[in-house]
Structure formats: C-alpha cells, structure tokens
Amino acid sequence: MSESIIFENISKQYRLGLVSTKTLSHDLNRWFTVNILRKEDPYLKIGEVNDRASKGESDYVWALRNINLTVNQGDVLAIIGKNGAGKSTLLKILSKVTAPTTGIIKAKGRIASLLEVGTGFHPEMTGRENIYMNGSIMGMTKAEINRKLDEIIDFSGIERYIDTPAKRYSSGMTVRLGFAIAAHLEPEILVVDEVLAVGDAEFQKKAIGKMQDVSKGEGRTVLFVSHNMAAVKNLCKTGIVLKDGMIDFSGSVTDAVDYYTVSNYQKTEKLYFENLNIAPGNDKIRIRSMEVKAARGHNITINTDIDVSLVFYNYLANAMIDVTFELRTTEDIVVFHRWMNFSQHKDSVVGEQEVSFRIPAGLLNAGRYYFRVWFGENEAHVLWGDLVYMFEVEFTNEGVGDIMLGQKPGIIRPELNFSHRLI
C-alpha cells in the first residue's frame, strides 16, 4: 500500500508570550533556514514539556517532540490524547497553518482541513461564496466546484441560508458547511479536528458516515481527532496516543483506545488533601477530598448503592455558586450531567462544605466510569474545573435471576416495573 503522509522528526517549540526573535533580520534568517534550507532552527532553545498545570522555569515549551509516523493511503487514523498533548498542533502543521520547528512532512495530494470553527471562512462572504473560495484554494476549477455545489449545500443542511454572510451563522451551521466543503471537494487527505463536537447528534452521525465513505469507497486518507472514544472506534482503523507532545502508543484503534483509557484514568481509591495550599483548585475553590464508595460492603458492584461525597473549601462570600458532576464512561460517553446550586440567593458562606448524593443500585452496568467536577458562579462563569475521579463497577451474579445470568449489554441496567395484561 502506498504511503500518503510521512512525518519525519517533527517537533514544534513555542516561546510563551512572544511570536518572534525580536529582530526582523533574525526572523528572516529563521524562516530561510527552516523553510528553504530545511535545517534546524538556529534560534532553537532548550524547552520544557507543555504542562498546563505548572508554571515552569523556561519560556520555551515543546508542543510536539520527535514525531515519526507513516500514514498509508486509505488509512483512517485516530489521534488520541488529553488536552495539551499536541493533537491540534500536529494537524495544524500538516495543514500548513503553522510550520514545524524541526523536521519535514511529505504528503501526496490535496489536503482539506476542518480544524476550528470558522477556519477557512471569510465572515463577510456568503456560504456560497465561501464554497467557491475554498475550492479555489484547493486548486479546483470553477467547473469542478459547480459539479459538487448541490451536494455540498444539501449535505450541510443550510440551503435556506447559503446566500447569507457567514458572520451570521451559528457555530453549528459553520461546522456543517465547513465539513461539507472539506469532504466533498475530493481531497486526497481529509483532516478533521474535534470541532464536530459542536454539531448535533444527527449531524455527527452523518459526518462519520461520510468519512467512512471517503476512506473505504474512495480510498482517501482521513486523520481524525476526537475525545469521543465511541466515535473513534466506529470510524478509525489505526490510532496513535500523544502524551506531552510525543507518540506514546501506536497500533490498532482498539488497542490505542484501551491504552489511553487505562493509562490516563487509573482507579481512584480516595482523594484527600491535608494541606489546602497544595490541594486542587484556586483562590476561589479548593478541594479537600472526594470519595466514591459502596454504601455497604467494600467493592462497588451492580447491586450496591453508590455514595458520592465531595468536600471543598469555599473562599467566596455572598456569591451564587454551583457544582456540576458529570459521569462518563472511559469511552467518553456521558451517562449523566447534574449540577447543584448550594447558594441560590447569592448567600454563599466562606468555609469547608460537603456535597453528597447517592446513585441507586442497579442503575450502572459493570465497567469503568469517571467523574468530572467543576464549580461555577451565577450559572455561567466557571470558577474552577479540573478534577477527574475514576471508579469501577464490578459485575456480580448475586441477586440476579437464573433467567438472565451474565452481564447485560448497555451502560445502564435499570430495574423496570413491567406490567402485562390481555387486551
């Protein structure tokens, strides 16, 4: 199988707060050396790992480091990793939005990219005009674009607004049209970042179906970034896991997803911080502890009530503060998203407080789950939110009837009160 994309020793370094070397002559020297002579940046500095959680000692960080990868024609590659791992930077380098600090990329054919909401759109132009502009940028003639125009408009589902300036589009409309353009203008390589999350469920399903058609039916190459592990498994054949700007794993998409979920979401016994100064949070909220445990017994099983407790210190007085708990599977499928306002009338009290609730027995199926927790003010402004707590629900035959022995499929397994009558 022929090679579609080759990444050779790709690295990307950023200087925090600055975008140049401070002098025009040095900037020109850097550009000529890297882009024309294909040599290492003469102004390259020693950098640190791109860790968002710490300040660090250097003004230079590595967004990517020593990426060597070959993608074959017709492959659908998943690029997986936590926020800040370097996923979007890699796609931007491939799409020539930014240049690598070191290394080169060899790509065969035209590249169509959907990186961020609004990328490649002129806000003053209509949707129709933006279609022609993007096609021209990709090297297509007007006749070629005309042949695809009706398909693009129909797929986007915004026919009524196609002659309206793009600046009046919602983010969902922009993503719909952007994807329709990228997928239908026959690129050899299609690059899709996680902007599809902006679209509704119906469009996401439609877009994934189109990407499958592009790769399987037309033999084109697709690079896909998403935090939705279910979509990744459904669409992709192979996958890489990025960590701290480097490839941490490469293999089949199933193995890549399993590696990512296990390595990043280890089971949490209990979070507890004696010293609030080093506890998760900021000058508004600090987490003292969090615990997810069985209401009775030691292990959490499908037949036990699950008690959730969060203890925190609130530093804000007279504010309206709420806390949100979002439960997800390790494939990033949301099970539920619930929030509690514990100061409805802007009467929050400074001090240590606890929020707790119970998940009833029989609701969750066996599997790994994790909570994401964040705090907000006035139901809008996020005060802080970076807490992840993972736990596992174990399967047991205890209390299960003989008719349905074994684990049932699905994320939830509620006990339903059925009734039956002759009519």
Protein backbone atom coordinates (compact mmCIF):
# COMPACT_ATOMS: atom_id res chain seq x y z
CA MET A 1 0.00 0.00 0.00
CA SER A 2 1.38 3.41 -0.96
CA GLU A 3 2.33 5.98 1.64
CA SER A 4 0.08 9.02 1.89
CA ILE A 5 1.77 11.03 4.66
CA ILE A 6 5.24 10.77 6.20
CA PHE A 7 6.15 12.73 9.33
CA GLU A 8 9.93 12.87 9.79
CA ASN A 9 11.29 14.08 13.15
CA ILE A 10 8.54 16.69 13.55
CA SER A 11 8.92 18.99 16.56
CA LYS A 12 7.24 22.26 17.44
CA GLN A 13 8.51 24.72 20.02
CA TYR A 14 6.71 27.83 21.23
CA ARG A 15 8.04 30.78 23.16
CA LEU A 16 5.47 31.84 25.72
CA GLY A 17 4.23 35.39 25.29
CA LEU A 18 6.28 36.14 22.15
CA VAL A 19 5.97 35.26 18.48
CA SER A 20 9.35 36.36 17.10
CA THR A 21 13.07 36.69 17.83
CA LYS A 22 12.57 40.46 18.36
CA THR A 23 14.51 41.47 15.22
CA LEU A 24 13.45 41.33 11.57
CA SER A 25 16.85 40.05 10.40
CA HIS A 26 16.73 37.13 12.84
CA ASP A 27 13.13 36.34 11.87
CA LEU A 28 14.08 36.27 8.17
CA ASN A 29 17.15 34.15 8.92
CA ARG A 30 14.99 31.69 10.89
CA TRP A 31 12.40 31.46 8.09
CA PHE A 32 15.03 30.95 5.35
CA THR A 33 16.95 28.33 7.34
CA VAL A 34 13.89 26.26 8.29
CA ASN A 35 11.74 26.57 5.16
CA ILE A 36 14.29 26.87 2.34
CA LEU A 37 17.45 25.17 3.59
CA ARG A 38 15.40 22.59 5.58
CA LYS A 39 17.80 22.85 8.52
CA GLU A 40 17.22 23.15 12.25
CA ASP A 41 16.06 26.50 13.63
CA PRO A 42 19.26 28.44 14.54
CA TYR A 43 17.41 30.17 17.40
CA LEU A 44 16.09 26.96 18.94
CA LYS A 45 16.21 27.00 22.73
CA ILE A 46 16.05 24.31 25.40
CA GLY A 47 12.36 23.88 26.17
CA GLU A 48 10.15 22.13 28.68
CA VAL A 49 7.23 19.74 28.37
CA ASN A 50 3.97 21.56 27.65
CA ASP A 51 2.47 21.14 31.13
CA ARG A 52 -0.50 23.47 31.57
CA ALA A 53 -0.74 22.82 35.29
CA SER A 54 2.67 24.24 36.26
CA LYS A 55 4.48 27.50 35.58
CA GLY A 56 7.88 26.01 34.76
CA GLU A 57 11.25 27.71 34.61
CA SER A 58 11.69 28.15 30.85
CA ASP A 59 9.83 30.47 28.48
CA TYR A 60 10.07 27.76 25.81
CA VAL A 61 7.78 24.73 25.62
CA TRP A 62 7.61 21.77 23.27
CA ALA A 63 4.14 21.29 21.84
CA LEU A 64 5.48 18.36 19.77
CA ARG A 65 8.71 16.41 20.01
CA ASN A 66 10.27 13.92 17.58
CA ILE A 67 7.13 12.75 15.77
CA ASN A 68 7.94 10.00 13.27
CA LEU A 69 4.90 8.46 11.62
CA THR A 70 3.79 6.98 8.30
CA VAL A 71 0.14 7.00 7.24
CA ASN A 72 -0.81 4.84 4.27
CA GLN A 73 -3.31 5.72 1.58
CA GLY A 74 -6.86 4.85 2.65
CA ASP A 75 -5.99 4.73 6.35
CA VAL A 76 -8.32 6.32 8.90
CA LEU A 77 -6.02 7.36 11.73
CA ALA A 78 -7.24 8.39 15.18
CA ILE A 79 -5.08 10.88 17.06
CA ILE A 80 -5.88 10.49 20.76
CA GLY A 81 -4.65 12.36 23.81
CA LYS A 82 -5.53 14.67 26.65
CA ASN A 83 -5.90 18.42 26.13
CA GLY A 84 -2.45 19.89 25.54
CA ALA A 85 -0.97 16.62 24.26
CA GLY A 86 -0.23 18.14 20.83
CA LYS A 87 -3.07 16.75 18.71
CA SER A 88 -4.25 20.02 17.17
CA THR A 89 -0.69 21.26 16.71
CA LEU A 90 0.15 18.17 14.65
CA LEU A 91 -2.87 18.72 12.40
CA LYS A 92 -2.07 22.43 12.01
CA ILE A 93 1.45 21.58 10.88
CA LEU A 94 0.09 19.05 8.36
CA SER A 95 -2.42 21.65 7.12
CA LYS A 96 0.37 24.27 6.86
CA VAL A 97 -1.35 26.60 9.31
CA THR A 98 1.92 26.66 11.24
CA ALA A 99 5.41 25.42 10.41
CA PRO A 100 7.36 22.80 12.37
CA THR A 101 10.40 23.88 14.33
CA THR A 102 12.28 20.81 13.12
CA GLY A 103 11.53 18.04 10.66
CA ILE A 104 9.57 17.76 7.42
CA ILE A 105 6.24 16.34 6.26
CA LYS A 106 5.76 14.59 2.92
CA ALA A 107 2.14 14.41 1.80
CA LYS A 108 0.68 13.19 -1.50
CA GLY A 109 -2.27 15.13 -2.86
CA ARG A 110 -4.59 17.89 -1.74
CA ILE A 111 -5.33 18.36 1.95
CA ALA A 112 -8.72 19.57 3.23
CA SER A 113 -8.84 20.55 6.90
CA LEU A 114 -11.57 21.25 9.42
CA LEU A 115 -9.60 22.45 12.44
CA GLU A 116 -11.57 25.12 14.29
CA VAL A 117 -15.00 26.70 13.97
CA GLY A 118 -14.75 29.30 11.22
CA THR A 119 -11.33 28.27 9.90
CA GLY A 120 -11.13 29.00 6.17
CA PHE A 121 -14.29 31.14 6.15
CA HIS A 122 -14.47 34.81 5.27
CA PRO A 123 -17.15 36.28 7.54
CA GLU A 124 -18.31 38.88 5.01
CA MET A 125 -18.77 36.34 2.22
CA THR A 126 -21.91 34.25 1.85
CA GLY A 127 -21.85 30.50 2.32
CA ARG A 128 -21.93 30.00 -1.45
CA GLU A 129 -19.00 32.39 -1.97
CA ASN A 130 -17.02 30.61 0.73
CA ILE A 131 -17.55 27.30 -1.08
CA TYR A 132 -16.00 28.73 -4.25
CA MET A 133 -13.18 30.39 -2.31
CA ASN A 134 -12.22 27.16 -0.52
CA GLY A 135 -12.39 25.18 -3.75
CA SER A 136 -10.11 27.68 -5.48
CA ILE A 137 -7.60 27.49 -2.62
CA MET A 138 -7.52 23.71 -3.11
CA GLY A 139 -6.72 24.20 -6.80
CA MET A 140 -10.14 23.29 -8.21
CA THR A 141 -11.61 24.97 -11.26
CA LYS A 142 -14.99 26.68 -11.17
CA ALA A 143 -16.46 23.88 -13.29
CA GLU A 144 -15.25 21.26 -10.79
CA ILE A 145 -16.79 23.20 -7.90
CA ASN A 146 -20.07 23.63 -9.82
CA ARG A 147 -20.39 19.86 -10.14
CA LYS A 148 -20.12 19.46 -6.36
CA LEU A 149 -22.09 22.55 -5.31
CA ASP A 150 -25.53 20.97 -4.92
CA GLU A 151 -24.10 18.02 -2.96
CA ILE A 152 -22.28 20.36 -0.57
CA ILE A 153 -25.33 22.53 0.08
CA ASP A 154 -27.61 19.52 0.52
CA PHE A 155 -25.22 17.78 2.93
CA SER A 156 -24.74 20.91 5.04
CA GLY A 157 -28.49 21.27 5.57
CA ILE A 158 -28.35 25.09 5.47
CA GLU A 159 -29.76 25.67 1.97
CA ARG A 160 -32.03 28.44 3.24
CA TYR A 161 -29.03 30.45 4.47
CA ILE A 162 -26.49 29.64 1.76
CA ASP A 163 -26.61 33.21 0.38
CA THR A 164 -26.36 34.80 3.84
CA PRO A 165 -22.98 36.18 5.06
CA ALA A 166 -21.08 33.61 7.13
CA LYS A 167 -20.76 36.06 10.02
CA ARG A 168 -24.47 35.48 10.73
CA TYR A 169 -24.06 31.69 11.00
CA SER A 170 -24.18 29.88 14.32
CA SER A 171 -21.17 27.72 15.23
CA GLY A 172 -23.20 24.63 14.31
CA MET A 173 -24.06 25.98 10.85
CA THR A 174 -20.44 26.96 10.27
CA VAL A 175 -19.20 23.48 11.16
CA ARG A 176 -21.86 21.84 8.97
CA LEU A 177 -20.86 23.86 5.92
CA GLY A 178 -17.14 23.61 6.68
CA PHE A 179 -17.28 19.83 6.88
CA ALA A 180 -19.44 19.57 3.75
CA ILE A 181 -16.88 21.61 1.81
CA ALA A 182 -13.90 19.64 3.13
CA ALA A 183 -15.48 16.23 2.48
CA HIS A 184 -16.98 16.88 -0.95
CA LEU A 185 -14.20 18.75 -2.75
CA GLU A 186 -12.36 15.44 -3.25
CA PRO A 187 -9.19 15.93 -1.21
CA GLU A 188 -6.70 13.08 -1.10
CA ILE A 189 -6.26 13.76 2.64
CA LEU A 190 -9.08 14.83 4.98
CA VAL A 191 -8.09 16.30 8.36
CA VAL A 192 -10.84 16.66 10.98
CA ASP A 193 -10.28 18.07 14.47
CA GLU A 194 -12.81 17.75 17.30
CA VAL A 195 -14.94 20.65 16.02
CA LEU A 196 -17.58 18.06 15.07
CA ALA A 197 -18.49 18.11 18.76
CA VAL A 198 -20.19 21.45 18.03
CA GLY A 199 -22.73 19.77 15.74
CA ASP A 200 -25.83 17.94 16.90
CA ALA A 201 -26.01 14.15 17.21
CA GLU A 202 -27.72 13.72 13.83
CA PHE A 203 -25.03 15.67 12.01
CA GLN A 204 -22.20 13.89 13.84
CA LYS A 205 -23.62 10.54 12.68
CA LYS A 206 -23.95 11.89 9.14
CA ALA A 207 -20.38 13.24 9.18
CA ILE A 208 -18.89 9.97 10.45
CA GLY A 209 -20.78 8.10 7.71
CA LYS A 210 -19.33 10.45 5.10
CA MET A 211 -15.80 9.98 6.43
CA GLN A 212 -16.28 6.21 6.19
CA ASP A 213 -17.40 6.60 2.57
CA VAL A 214 -14.41 8.84 1.80
CA SER A 215 -11.91 6.34 3.21
CA LYS A 216 -13.44 2.99 2.21
CA GLY A 217 -15.22 3.83 -1.03
CA GLU A 218 -12.86 6.44 -2.43
CA GLY A 219 -9.57 5.26 -0.88
CA ARG A 220 -8.74 8.62 0.65
CA THR A 221 -6.80 9.19 3.86
CA VAL A 222 -8.50 10.57 6.99
CA LEU A 223 -6.90 11.93 10.17
CA PHE A 224 -9.43 12.27 12.98
CA VAL A 225 -9.09 13.90 16.41
CA SER A 226 -11.84 13.41 18.97
CA HIS A 227 -12.41 12.87 22.69
CA ASN A 228 -15.38 10.67 21.82
CA MET A 229 -13.87 7.19 22.03
CA ALA A 230 -17.04 5.53 20.71
CA ALA A 231 -16.83 7.62 17.51
CA VAL A 232 -13.11 6.92 17.23
CA LYS A 233 -13.64 3.14 17.45
CA ASN A 234 -16.51 3.28 14.97
CA LEU A 235 -14.61 5.24 12.34
CA CYS A 236 -10.88 4.55 12.59
CA LYS A 237 -8.67 1.57 11.80
CA THR A 238 -5.45 2.63 13.50
CA GLY A 239 -4.59 5.09 16.24
CA ILE A 240 -1.78 6.90 18.00
CA VAL A 241 -1.79 8.23 21.55
CA LEU A 242 0.02 11.52 22.13
CA LYS A 243 1.39 12.40 25.55
CA ASP A 244 3.42 15.53 26.32
CA GLY A 245 3.90 16.13 22.60
CA MET A 246 5.32 12.67 21.84
CA ILE A 247 3.85 9.44 20.45
CA ASP A 248 3.20 7.28 23.50
CA PHE A 249 1.48 4.42 21.64
CA SER A 250 0.80 3.35 18.06
CA GLY A 251 -1.30 0.42 16.92
CA SER A 252 -4.84 -0.68 16.12
CA VAL A 253 -7.56 1.75 17.16
CA THR A 254 -8.95 -0.71 19.73
CA ASP A 255 -5.53 -1.11 21.37
CA ALA A 256 -4.91 2.64 21.23
CA VAL A 257 -8.21 3.48 22.95
CA ASP A 258 -7.63 0.80 25.60
CA TYR A 259 -4.09 2.07 26.23
CA TYR A 260 -5.31 5.67 26.54
CA THR A 261 -8.18 4.93 28.91
CA VAL A 262 -6.14 2.66 31.19
CA SER A 263 -3.07 4.92 31.34
CA ASN A 264 -4.96 8.17 31.86
CA TYR A 265 -7.82 7.08 34.08
CA GLN A 266 -6.43 4.89 36.81
CA LYS A 267 -8.87 3.80 39.52
CA THR A 268 -9.02 6.33 42.35
CA GLU A 269 -9.39 4.99 45.88
CA LYS A 270 -9.93 8.32 47.62
CA LEU A 271 -8.72 11.86 47.11
CA TYR A 272 -7.69 13.67 50.28
CA PHE A 273 -5.54 16.75 50.79
CA GLU A 274 -4.46 17.63 54.33
CA ASN A 275 -2.82 20.88 53.18
CA LEU A 276 -5.28 23.07 51.27
CA ASN A 277 -2.44 25.16 49.84
CA ILE A 278 -1.44 22.28 47.57
CA ALA A 279 -4.96 20.95 47.01
CA PRO A 280 -6.61 21.15 43.56
CA GLY A 281 -8.31 24.50 42.97
CA ASN A 282 -7.54 28.20 43.10
CA ASP A 283 -8.13 31.27 45.26
CA LYS A 284 -11.91 30.75 44.99
CA ILE A 285 -12.36 26.99 45.50
CA ARG A 286 -10.10 24.28 46.95
CA ILE A 287 -10.86 20.54 47.04
CA ARG A 288 -10.33 18.86 50.40
CA SER A 289 -11.47 15.37 49.40
CA MET A 290 -13.61 13.28 47.09
CA GLU A 291 -14.74 9.71 47.53
CA VAL A 292 -16.94 7.28 45.60
CA LYS A 293 -17.74 4.16 47.61
CA ALA A 294 -20.25 1.37 48.05
CA ALA A 295 -22.97 2.22 50.56
CA ARG A 296 -22.45 -1.24 52.02
CA GLY A 297 -19.57 -3.66 51.65
CA HIS A 298 -16.14 -2.95 50.22
CA ASN A 299 -16.50 -3.25 46.43
CA ILE A 300 -18.83 -1.28 44.19
CA THR A 301 -20.99 -3.74 42.27
CA ILE A 302 -24.06 -3.52 40.05
CA ASN A 303 -26.20 -4.33 43.10
CA THR A 304 -24.88 -1.74 45.57
CA ASP A 305 -25.91 1.84 46.16
CA ILE A 306 -23.01 4.17 45.37
CA ASP A 307 -22.31 7.11 47.69
CA VAL A 308 -20.50 10.14 46.26
CA SER A 309 -19.00 12.77 48.56
CA LEU A 310 -17.11 15.98 47.73
CA VAL A 311 -15.60 18.17 50.46
CA PHE A 312 -14.30 21.60 49.45
CA TYR A 313 -13.35 24.96 50.92
CA ASN A 314 -15.20 27.97 49.54
CA TYR A 315 -13.42 31.35 49.71
CA LEU A 316 -16.24 33.39 48.11
CA ALA A 317 -18.82 35.12 50.28
CA ASN A 318 -22.20 36.34 49.02
CA ALA A 319 -21.96 34.63 45.64
CA MET A 320 -24.26 32.20 43.82
CA ILE A 321 -22.15 29.09 43.41
CA ASP A 322 -22.99 25.74 41.85
CA VAL A 323 -21.13 22.46 41.49
CA THR A 324 -21.51 20.14 38.49
CA PHE A 325 -20.95 16.38 38.43
CA GLU A 326 -20.62 14.76 35.01
CA LEU A 327 -20.34 10.97 34.87
CA ARG A 328 -18.74 9.45 31.78
CA THR A 329 -17.62 6.05 30.61
CA THR A 330 -13.94 5.64 29.73
CA GLU A 331 -15.07 5.87 26.10
CA ASP A 332 -16.23 9.42 26.92
CA ILE A 333 -19.95 8.69 26.65
CA VAL A 334 -21.86 10.93 29.05
CA VAL A 335 -24.01 8.91 31.47
CA PHE A 336 -25.44 11.92 33.28
CA HIS A 337 -24.71 15.60 33.86
CA ARG A 338 -26.18 17.08 37.03
CA TRP A 339 -25.49 20.24 38.96
CA MET A 340 -26.43 21.60 42.37
CA ASN A 341 -26.75 25.24 43.37
CA PHE A 342 -25.85 25.43 47.05
CA SER A 343 -26.24 29.22 47.33
CA GLN A 344 -29.32 30.11 45.31
CA HIS A 345 -29.65 33.67 46.60
CA LYS A 346 -26.01 34.79 46.40
CA ASP A 347 -25.59 33.82 50.03
CA SER A 348 -22.54 31.56 49.85
CA VAL A 349 -20.62 31.18 53.09
CA VAL A 350 -16.84 31.04 53.41
CA GLY A 351 -15.64 27.75 54.87
CA GLU A 352 -15.41 23.99 54.41
CA GLN A 353 -18.51 22.34 52.97
CA GLU A 354 -19.69 19.00 51.65
CA VAL A 355 -21.90 17.97 48.74
CA SER A 356 -23.06 14.35 48.58
CA PHE A 357 -25.56 12.19 46.72
CA ARG A 358 -26.37 8.53 46.07
CA ILE A 359 -26.52 6.60 42.80
CA PRO A 360 -29.14 3.86 43.27
CA ALA A 361 -28.19 0.20 42.99
CA GLY A 362 -28.93 -1.45 39.67
CA LEU A 363 -28.56 1.72 37.60
CA LEU A 364 -24.96 1.44 36.34
CA ASN A 365 -23.75 -1.57 34.42
CA ALA A 366 -20.36 -3.14 35.11
CA GLY A 367 -17.46 -1.11 33.75
CA ARG A 368 -15.11 1.81 34.37
CA TYR A 369 -16.51 5.30 34.89
CA TYR A 370 -15.12 8.68 35.82
CA PHE A 371 -16.50 11.88 37.27
CA ARG A 372 -15.57 15.32 36.03
CA VAL A 373 -16.28 18.00 38.61
CA TRP A 374 -16.32 21.76 38.22
CA PHE A 375 -17.64 24.82 40.03
CA GLY A 376 -19.45 27.80 38.55
CA GLU A 377 -20.74 31.19 39.61
CA ASN A 378 -24.14 32.62 38.66
CA GLU A 379 -24.76 29.54 36.45
CA ALA A 380 -22.36 30.87 33.84
CA HIS A 381 -18.80 31.71 34.86
CA VAL A 382 -16.61 28.70 35.61
CA LEU A 383 -14.65 29.23 38.81
CA TRP A 384 -12.58 26.06 38.54
CA GLY A 385 -12.88 22.65 36.98
CA ASP A 386 -10.08 20.16 36.59
CA LEU A 387 -10.98 17.25 38.87
CA VAL A 388 -11.19 13.72 37.47
CA TYR A 389 -12.15 10.78 39.69
CA MET A 390 -12.30 7.26 38.29
CA PHE A 391 -14.02 4.21 39.77
CA GLU A 392 -15.13 0.76 38.65
CA VAL A 393 -18.45 -1.04 38.97
CA GLU A 394 -17.98 -4.80 39.22
CA PHE A 395 -20.34 -7.45 37.90
CA THR A 396 -21.81 -9.99 40.30
CA ASN A 397 -24.43 -12.73 39.92
CA GLU A 398 -25.67 -12.03 43.43
CA GLY A 399 -29.34 -11.14 43.27
CA VAL A 400 -29.56 -11.90 39.54
CA GLY A 401 -32.28 -14.33 38.46
CA ASP A 402 -31.43 -17.59 36.70
CA ILE A 403 -33.10 -16.37 33.51
CA MET A 404 -30.60 -13.54 32.95
CA LEU A 405 -27.28 -14.85 34.21
CA GLY A 406 -24.26 -12.95 32.99
CA GLN A 407 -23.58 -9.32 32.25
CA LYS A 408 -26.20 -7.41 30.29
CA PRO A 409 -25.19 -5.06 27.47
CA GLY A 410 -25.50 -1.31 27.77
CA ILE A 411 -24.21 1.46 30.02
CA ILE A 412 -27.16 1.42 32.42
CA ARG A 413 -29.26 -1.52 33.61
CA PRO A 414 -32.25 -0.06 35.46
CA GLU A 415 -34.80 -2.29 37.12
CA LEU A 416 -38.13 -1.53 35.44
CA ASN A 417 -41.58 -2.34 36.79
CA PHE A 418 -43.23 -4.16 33.88
CA SER A 419 -46.93 -4.85 33.67
CA HIS A 420 -48.79 -7.26 31.41
CA ARG A 421 -52.45 -7.60 30.50
CA LEU A 422 -54.62 -9.11 27.80
CA ILE A 423 -56.42 -6.61 25.58
